Amino acid sequence: MGALLMGPGARAHAQDMSFGIDEAEESPPAEGAEGEGGAAAEGRAEGEAGASGGGDIFSELSTEIGTEEGDASSQLPREKEAIEEIYAVQRMYVLRNGRFELAPSLAFTFNDQFVSHNALGVALNYWVTNVLAVGANFLWYQGLESESDLNFSIRRSTRLAVPITQYQMAGNLNFTYVPIYGKFTLFNEAIFQWDSYLVGGVGMIRTRPVATVDPAVRSFDFDWRISFNAGIGLRVFLTRYLTIFGELRDYIYLEKLENLEVALGEAREDESTWIDEEATLTNNVAVQIGVTLFFPFGFDYDYPK
């Protein structure tokens, strides 16, 4: 039986089952291997698809959010950086206590339409405290006054005269009080310190009536009158010792005006008839502008120990 199995037929069948190199490389995989390989390939494909799909969604969301934030930030106003030193309590810009103030000025009549009492003035004050000063001012009028054309036209057209006066000089003792002070900005660039003050006092003024009714006969000399003054002013500091200021001040006194009636005959030469018997309350409201010099120029702040 063993010889029969190993006969030529058996050898032929074995020869028929032989494989070449090309046939072995081109042979299809087994069923199990094909199933495992297909499942693995499908799993890898699904994983890659899921990974690629997930990456695209996150990138799109982040891009949309970034775009929305950029649009919103572009619409908001940009903040401007500002550097400013702010102090809870700021010290005074200028100390006046113990300093002198020299103030030259020009004065112009504010309320008289018939004659202008222009003057050159100067004031000297000493500051007892930072808000209170005592001092004196002097005004020179003669040579700077002028009669208005209105008064001349009235006399010429109606033969009526408006009595006017002429000033020569004036001097006053004054008190100055500063209740308000502060600062302001100009064109959002420079900061200026300022103060507002009240001023008033008593003094003497030297005046005389102007002969307008009977100038051919009458003439008048200057005489002293007691005067009072009160006003308000504004001062702006250019430096700690130099300022510019403006004042509105009323000088009040009793004036003896020319008599509007002319006596006849020899009484016309009588000087006692040239002046009106009743004194007239006169207000010379003047606008004064000028500069101020504080000296000594420097000062020191004293701090509590």
Foldseek 3Di string as FASTA:
>chain_A
DVDVCPDPVVVVVVVVPDDDPVCVVPPDDDPVVVVVVVVVVVVVVVVVVVVVVVVVVVVVVVVVVVVVVVVVVVPDDDDDDDDDDDDPDDDDQAWQAFWKKKWWKWKWFDPDPFKIQIWTKIKIWHANGRFKIKTKMKIAGPPPMDTDVVQVVCCVPVVAHDKDKGWGMWMWIKMKGWPDKDWDDDPNPDIKIKTKIKMKTKIKTWMWIDPDQCVVQDDIDIDIWIKIKIWMKMWIDPHNFKIKMKIWMKIKTWAWTFDNDADDDPCNNPNVNGTDPGTDIDIGTMMMITMMGIPPSDDDDDDDD
